[in-house]
């Protein structure tokens, strides 16, 4: 799928994890919204593997956004409506502009599990 600004029709919440330390010394994830972004969605695949003897629906989705070099897969996630997607990987997509390619889009490989 080619990145096209006109197809960026989803308004998502980009959230960052800032772990906090509890009284017992353990850490827990604390998610806060960084910004709202527009994205193009591309459904990839769904499977139903078993985890801990339970059937789990796993959906893989790519979201294409305007290039943002600050997003890291390990510490960010996307919220699309009521669904929370973990970012599994990021691919920067250059677009040829004259003689020189420019980074204009980021493809975020995301994962949604229905048991989260």
N, C-alpha and C. Protein backbone atom coordinates (compact mmCIF):
# COMPACT_ATOMS: atom_id res chain seq x y z
N UNK A 1 0.84 -1.18 0.00
CA UNK A 1 0.00 0.00 0.00
C UNK A 1 0.88 1.24 0.00
N UNK A 2 0.58 2.16 -0.88
CA UNK A 2 1.32 3.40 -0.98
C UNK A 2 0.76 4.42 -0.02
N UNK A 3 1.65 5.16 0.60
CA UNK A 3 1.23 6.22 1.52
C UNK A 3 0.65 7.38 0.73
N UNK A 4 -0.55 7.79 1.11
CA UNK A 4 -1.23 8.89 0.45
C UNK A 4 -1.88 9.77 1.51
N UNK A 5 -1.57 11.04 1.47
CA UNK A 5 -2.10 11.96 2.47
C UNK A 5 -3.63 11.94 2.48
N UNK A 6 -4.25 11.83 1.31
CA UNK A 6 -5.70 11.84 1.22
C UNK A 6 -6.38 10.68 1.93
N UNK A 7 -5.66 9.58 2.16
CA UNK A 7 -6.24 8.42 2.84
C UNK A 7 -5.97 8.41 4.34
N UNK A 8 -5.31 9.43 4.84
CA UNK A 8 -5.06 9.52 6.28
C UNK A 8 -6.32 10.05 6.94
N UNK A 9 -7.27 9.13 7.15
CA UNK A 9 -8.60 9.51 7.62
C UNK A 9 -8.91 9.04 9.03
N UNK A 10 -7.92 8.53 9.73
CA UNK A 10 -8.12 8.07 11.11
C UNK A 10 -7.42 9.02 12.06
N UNK A 11 -8.14 9.43 13.10
CA UNK A 11 -7.56 10.30 14.13
C UNK A 11 -7.19 9.41 15.31
N UNK A 12 -5.89 9.30 15.59
CA UNK A 12 -5.40 8.40 16.62
C UNK A 12 -4.76 9.19 17.76
N UNK A 13 -4.69 8.54 18.90
CA UNK A 13 -3.95 9.08 20.04
C UNK A 13 -2.62 8.34 20.11
N UNK A 14 -1.52 9.09 20.04
CA UNK A 14 -0.20 8.52 20.22
C UNK A 14 0.15 8.66 21.70
N UNK A 15 0.42 7.52 22.35
CA UNK A 15 0.71 7.53 23.78
C UNK A 15 2.11 7.01 24.06
N UNK A 16 2.73 7.56 25.11
CA UNK A 16 4.07 7.16 25.51
C UNK A 16 4.02 6.55 26.91
N UNK A 17 4.81 5.50 27.09
CA UNK A 17 4.90 4.84 28.39
C UNK A 17 6.03 5.48 29.20
N UNK A 18 5.67 5.96 30.38
CA UNK A 18 6.65 6.46 31.33
C UNK A 18 6.46 5.64 32.60
N UNK A 19 7.26 4.59 32.79
CA UNK A 19 7.07 3.72 33.95
C UNK A 19 7.21 4.49 35.27
N UNK A 20 6.35 4.15 36.22
CA UNK A 20 6.42 4.76 37.55
C UNK A 20 6.79 3.67 38.56
N UNK A 21 7.44 4.09 39.62
CA UNK A 21 7.86 3.16 40.67
C UNK A 21 6.87 3.24 41.82
N UNK A 22 6.37 2.09 42.24
CA UNK A 22 5.43 2.02 43.34
C UNK A 22 6.14 2.01 44.69
N UNK A 23 5.35 1.98 45.74
CA UNK A 23 5.91 1.99 47.10
C UNK A 23 6.77 0.77 47.38
N UNK A 24 6.43 -0.36 46.78
CA UNK A 24 7.19 -1.60 47.01
C UNK A 24 8.46 -1.67 46.15
N UNK A 25 8.66 -0.66 45.28
CA UNK A 25 9.86 -0.64 44.45
C UNK A 25 9.67 -1.20 43.06
N UNK A 26 8.52 -1.78 42.79
CA UNK A 26 8.25 -2.31 41.45
C UNK A 26 7.81 -1.20 40.51
N UNK A 27 7.95 -1.45 39.22
CA UNK A 27 7.51 -0.46 38.24
C UNK A 27 6.23 -0.92 37.56
N UNK A 28 5.44 0.05 37.16
CA UNK A 28 4.23 -0.25 36.40
C UNK A 28 4.13 0.76 35.27
N UNK A 29 3.54 0.35 34.13
CA UNK A 29 3.44 1.27 33.00
C UNK A 29 2.44 2.39 33.27
N UNK A 30 2.80 3.58 32.86
CA UNK A 30 1.91 4.73 32.95
C UNK A 30 1.88 5.37 31.56
N UNK A 31 0.72 5.32 30.92
CA UNK A 31 0.58 5.82 29.56
C UNK A 31 -0.01 7.21 29.57
N UNK A 32 0.57 8.11 28.76
CA UNK A 32 0.02 9.47 28.63
C UNK A 32 0.05 9.86 27.16
N UNK A 33 -0.96 10.64 26.78
CA UNK A 33 -1.05 11.05 25.38
C UNK A 33 0.03 12.08 25.05
N UNK A 34 0.72 11.82 23.95
CA UNK A 34 1.73 12.75 23.46
C UNK A 34 1.09 13.75 22.50
N UNK A 35 0.29 13.21 21.57
CA UNK A 35 -0.40 14.06 20.60
C UNK A 35 -1.42 13.24 19.82
N UNK A 36 -2.28 13.94 19.12
CA UNK A 36 -3.23 13.33 18.19
C UNK A 36 -2.58 13.36 16.81
N UNK A 37 -2.75 12.27 16.05
CA UNK A 37 -2.17 12.20 14.72
C UNK A 37 -3.20 11.65 13.73
N UNK A 38 -3.03 12.00 12.47
CA UNK A 38 -3.83 11.43 11.39
C UNK A 38 -3.07 10.26 10.81
N UNK A 39 -3.79 9.20 10.44
CA UNK A 39 -3.15 8.00 9.92
C UNK A 39 -4.00 7.32 8.87
N UNK A 40 -3.32 6.55 8.04
CA UNK A 40 -3.96 5.66 7.07
C UNK A 40 -3.82 4.24 7.62
N UNK A 41 -4.89 3.48 7.62
CA UNK A 41 -4.89 2.13 8.19
C UNK A 41 -4.85 1.08 7.09
N UNK A 42 -4.04 0.04 7.31
CA UNK A 42 -3.97 -1.08 6.39
C UNK A 42 -4.02 -2.36 7.22
N UNK A 43 -5.16 -3.08 7.16
CA UNK A 43 -5.29 -4.35 7.89
C UNK A 43 -4.38 -5.38 7.24
N UNK A 44 -3.67 -6.14 8.08
CA UNK A 44 -2.72 -7.14 7.57
C UNK A 44 -3.23 -8.56 7.74
N UNK A 45 -3.44 -8.99 8.96
CA UNK A 45 -3.86 -10.38 9.20
C UNK A 45 -4.43 -10.51 10.60
N UNK A 46 -5.24 -11.53 10.78
CA UNK A 46 -5.75 -11.87 12.11
C UNK A 46 -5.54 -13.36 12.34
N UNK A 47 -5.19 -13.70 13.57
CA UNK A 47 -5.02 -15.10 13.95
C UNK A 47 -5.68 -15.32 15.30
N UNK A 48 -5.84 -16.57 15.66
CA UNK A 48 -6.43 -16.91 16.95
C UNK A 48 -5.58 -17.96 17.65
N UNK A 49 -4.38 -17.59 18.09
CA UNK A 49 -3.54 -18.54 18.81
C UNK A 49 -4.03 -18.75 20.24
N UNK A 50 -3.44 -19.72 20.92
CA UNK A 50 -3.77 -19.97 22.33
C UNK A 50 -2.66 -19.41 23.20
N UNK A 51 -3.05 -18.67 24.24
CA UNK A 51 -2.12 -18.16 25.24
C UNK A 51 -2.68 -18.53 26.60
N UNK A 52 -1.89 -19.23 27.39
CA UNK A 52 -2.32 -19.67 28.73
C UNK A 52 -3.65 -20.42 28.64
N UNK A 53 -3.74 -21.33 27.69
CA UNK A 53 -4.94 -22.17 27.49
C UNK A 53 -6.19 -21.38 27.13
N UNK A 54 -6.02 -20.17 26.60
CA UNK A 54 -7.17 -19.37 26.15
C UNK A 54 -6.95 -18.98 24.70
N UNK A 55 -8.03 -19.00 23.95
CA UNK A 55 -7.95 -18.56 22.57
C UNK A 55 -7.95 -17.04 22.55
N UNK A 56 -7.01 -16.46 21.81
CA UNK A 56 -6.83 -15.01 21.77
C UNK A 56 -6.89 -14.55 20.32
N UNK A 57 -7.65 -13.52 20.04
CA UNK A 57 -7.67 -12.94 18.71
C UNK A 57 -6.55 -11.92 18.62
N UNK A 58 -5.66 -12.10 17.63
CA UNK A 58 -4.54 -11.19 17.41
C UNK A 58 -4.71 -10.57 16.03
N UNK A 59 -4.77 -9.25 15.98
CA UNK A 59 -4.91 -8.54 14.71
C UNK A 59 -3.65 -7.73 14.43
N UNK A 60 -3.15 -7.86 13.22
CA UNK A 60 -1.98 -7.08 12.79
C UNK A 60 -2.46 -5.98 11.85
N UNK A 61 -2.02 -4.78 12.13
CA UNK A 61 -2.44 -3.61 11.37
C UNK A 61 -1.23 -2.71 11.15
N UNK A 62 -1.14 -2.12 9.97
CA UNK A 62 -0.15 -1.08 9.72
C UNK A 62 -0.86 0.26 9.72
N UNK A 63 -0.25 1.24 10.36
CA UNK A 63 -0.73 2.62 10.30
C UNK A 63 0.36 3.44 9.65
N UNK A 64 -0.01 4.23 8.66
CA UNK A 64 0.94 5.10 7.98
C UNK A 64 0.66 6.52 8.46
N UNK A 65 1.73 7.17 8.95
CA UNK A 65 1.60 8.53 9.49
C UNK A 65 2.66 9.41 8.84
N UNK A 66 2.53 10.72 9.05
CA UNK A 66 3.60 11.62 8.63
C UNK A 66 4.86 11.26 9.40
N UNK A 67 6.01 11.37 8.77
CA UNK A 67 7.27 10.98 9.40
C UNK A 67 7.44 11.66 10.76
N UNK A 68 7.82 10.85 11.74
CA UNK A 68 8.10 11.35 13.09
C UNK A 68 9.26 10.53 13.65
N UNK A 69 10.43 11.09 13.69
CA UNK A 69 11.62 10.39 14.12
C UNK A 69 11.70 10.14 15.61
N UNK A 70 10.78 10.69 16.39
CA UNK A 70 10.83 10.52 17.84
C UNK A 70 10.11 9.26 18.33
N UNK A 71 9.26 8.68 17.51
CA UNK A 71 8.48 7.51 17.94
C UNK A 71 9.38 6.28 17.99
N UNK A 72 9.35 5.58 19.11
CA UNK A 72 10.09 4.34 19.30
C UNK A 72 9.09 3.23 19.60
N UNK A 73 9.29 2.08 18.98
CA UNK A 73 8.33 0.97 19.11
C UNK A 73 8.18 0.51 20.55
N UNK A 74 9.25 0.49 21.31
CA UNK A 74 9.19 -0.08 22.66
C UNK A 74 8.45 0.80 23.67
N UNK A 75 8.35 2.09 23.41
CA UNK A 75 7.78 2.99 24.43
C UNK A 75 6.51 3.71 23.99
N UNK A 76 6.04 3.47 22.79
CA UNK A 76 4.84 4.15 22.30
C UNK A 76 3.77 3.14 21.91
N UNK A 77 2.52 3.60 21.90
CA UNK A 77 1.40 2.80 21.41
C UNK A 77 0.39 3.74 20.77
N UNK A 78 -0.55 3.15 20.03
CA UNK A 78 -1.61 3.92 19.37
C UNK A 78 -2.96 3.52 19.92
N UNK A 79 -3.84 4.48 20.07
CA UNK A 79 -5.22 4.22 20.47
C UNK A 79 -6.12 4.66 19.32
N UNK A 80 -6.88 3.69 18.81
CA UNK A 80 -7.81 3.94 17.71
C UNK A 80 -9.20 3.61 18.23
N UNK A 81 -9.94 4.62 18.63
CA UNK A 81 -11.25 4.39 19.25
C UNK A 81 -11.07 3.71 20.58
N UNK A 82 -11.66 2.52 20.74
CA UNK A 82 -11.53 1.76 21.99
C UNK A 82 -10.39 0.75 21.93
N UNK A 83 -9.72 0.63 20.78
CA UNK A 83 -8.67 -0.37 20.60
C UNK A 83 -7.29 0.22 20.87
N UNK A 84 -6.46 -0.54 21.59
CA UNK A 84 -5.11 -0.13 21.92
C UNK A 84 -4.13 -1.03 21.16
N UNK A 85 -3.29 -0.43 20.34
CA UNK A 85 -2.35 -1.16 19.49
C UNK A 85 -0.92 -0.96 19.99
N UNK A 86 -0.22 -2.07 20.23
CA UNK A 86 1.20 -2.01 20.55
C UNK A 86 1.97 -1.85 19.25
N UNK A 87 2.92 -0.92 19.23
CA UNK A 87 3.75 -0.73 18.05
C UNK A 87 4.88 -1.75 18.09
N UNK A 88 4.93 -2.63 17.11
CA UNK A 88 5.92 -3.70 17.05
C UNK A 88 7.17 -3.30 16.26
N UNK A 89 7.01 -2.41 15.32
CA UNK A 89 8.14 -1.97 14.50
C UNK A 89 7.78 -0.75 13.69
N UNK A 90 8.80 -0.06 13.21
CA UNK A 90 8.60 1.18 12.44
C UNK A 90 9.49 1.13 11.21
N UNK A 91 8.91 1.43 10.06
CA UNK A 91 9.66 1.50 8.82
C UNK A 91 9.49 2.91 8.27
N UNK A 92 10.62 3.57 8.03
CA UNK A 92 10.57 4.91 7.44
C UNK A 92 10.49 4.78 5.93
N UNK A 93 9.56 5.50 5.31
CA UNK A 93 9.34 5.38 3.88
C UNK A 93 9.76 6.67 3.17
N UNK A 94 10.87 6.61 2.43
CA UNK A 94 11.30 7.80 1.70
C UNK A 94 10.46 8.01 0.45
N UNK A 95 10.32 9.24 0.08
CA UNK A 95 9.61 9.60 -1.13
C UNK A 95 10.57 10.42 -1.97
N UNK A 96 10.72 10.06 -3.24
CA UNK A 96 11.64 10.78 -4.11
C UNK A 96 11.09 12.17 -4.37
N UNK A 97 11.90 13.17 -4.10
CA UNK A 97 11.50 14.56 -4.32
C UNK A 97 12.65 15.24 -5.04
N UNK A 98 12.52 15.37 -6.34
CA UNK A 98 13.62 15.92 -7.12
C UNK A 98 14.77 14.92 -7.13
N UNK A 99 15.97 15.40 -6.86
CA UNK A 99 17.15 14.53 -6.85
C UNK A 99 17.28 13.72 -5.57
N UNK A 100 16.72 14.21 -4.49
CA UNK A 100 16.99 13.63 -3.19
C UNK A 100 15.73 13.02 -2.56
N UNK A 101 15.86 11.81 -2.03
CA UNK A 101 14.70 11.24 -1.31
C UNK A 101 14.51 11.94 0.03
N UNK A 102 13.26 12.09 0.43
CA UNK A 102 12.93 12.68 1.73
C UNK A 102 12.12 11.68 2.52
N UNK A 103 12.31 11.67 3.83
CA UNK A 103 11.46 10.85 4.68
C UNK A 103 10.16 11.61 4.90
N UNK A 104 9.07 11.06 4.39
CA UNK A 104 7.80 11.75 4.52
C UNK A 104 6.80 10.96 5.32
N UNK A 105 6.97 9.63 5.39
CA UNK A 105 5.99 8.79 6.06
C UNK A 105 6.68 7.77 6.95
N UNK A 106 5.99 7.37 8.01
CA UNK A 106 6.43 6.27 8.86
C UNK A 106 5.33 5.21 8.83
N UNK A 107 5.72 3.96 8.61
CA UNK A 107 4.78 2.84 8.65
C UNK A 107 4.95 2.15 9.99
N UNK A 108 3.90 2.17 10.80
CA UNK A 108 3.94 1.58 12.13
C UNK A 108 3.29 0.21 12.08
N UNK A 109 4.07 -0.85 12.33
CA UNK A 109 3.55 -2.21 12.38
C UNK A 109 2.98 -2.42 13.79
N UNK A 110 1.67 -2.65 13.87
CA UNK A 110 0.99 -2.69 15.18
C UNK A 110 0.29 -4.03 15.41
N UNK A 111 0.04 -4.29 16.68
CA UNK A 111 -0.57 -5.55 17.11
C UNK A 111 -1.66 -5.26 18.15
N UNK A 112 -2.81 -5.88 17.95
CA UNK A 112 -3.94 -5.76 18.88
C UNK A 112 -4.29 -7.16 19.37
N UNK A 113 -4.33 -7.33 20.68
CA UNK A 113 -4.78 -8.59 21.27
C UNK A 113 -6.07 -8.33 22.03
N UNK A 114 -7.05 -9.23 21.88
CA UNK A 114 -8.33 -8.97 22.54
C UNK A 114 -8.32 -9.32 24.03
N UNK A 115 -7.20 -9.79 24.56
CA UNK A 115 -7.16 -10.11 25.99
C UNK A 115 -6.41 -9.05 26.80
N UNK A 116 -6.14 -7.91 26.20
CA UNK A 116 -5.42 -6.84 26.92
C UNK A 116 -6.37 -5.95 27.65
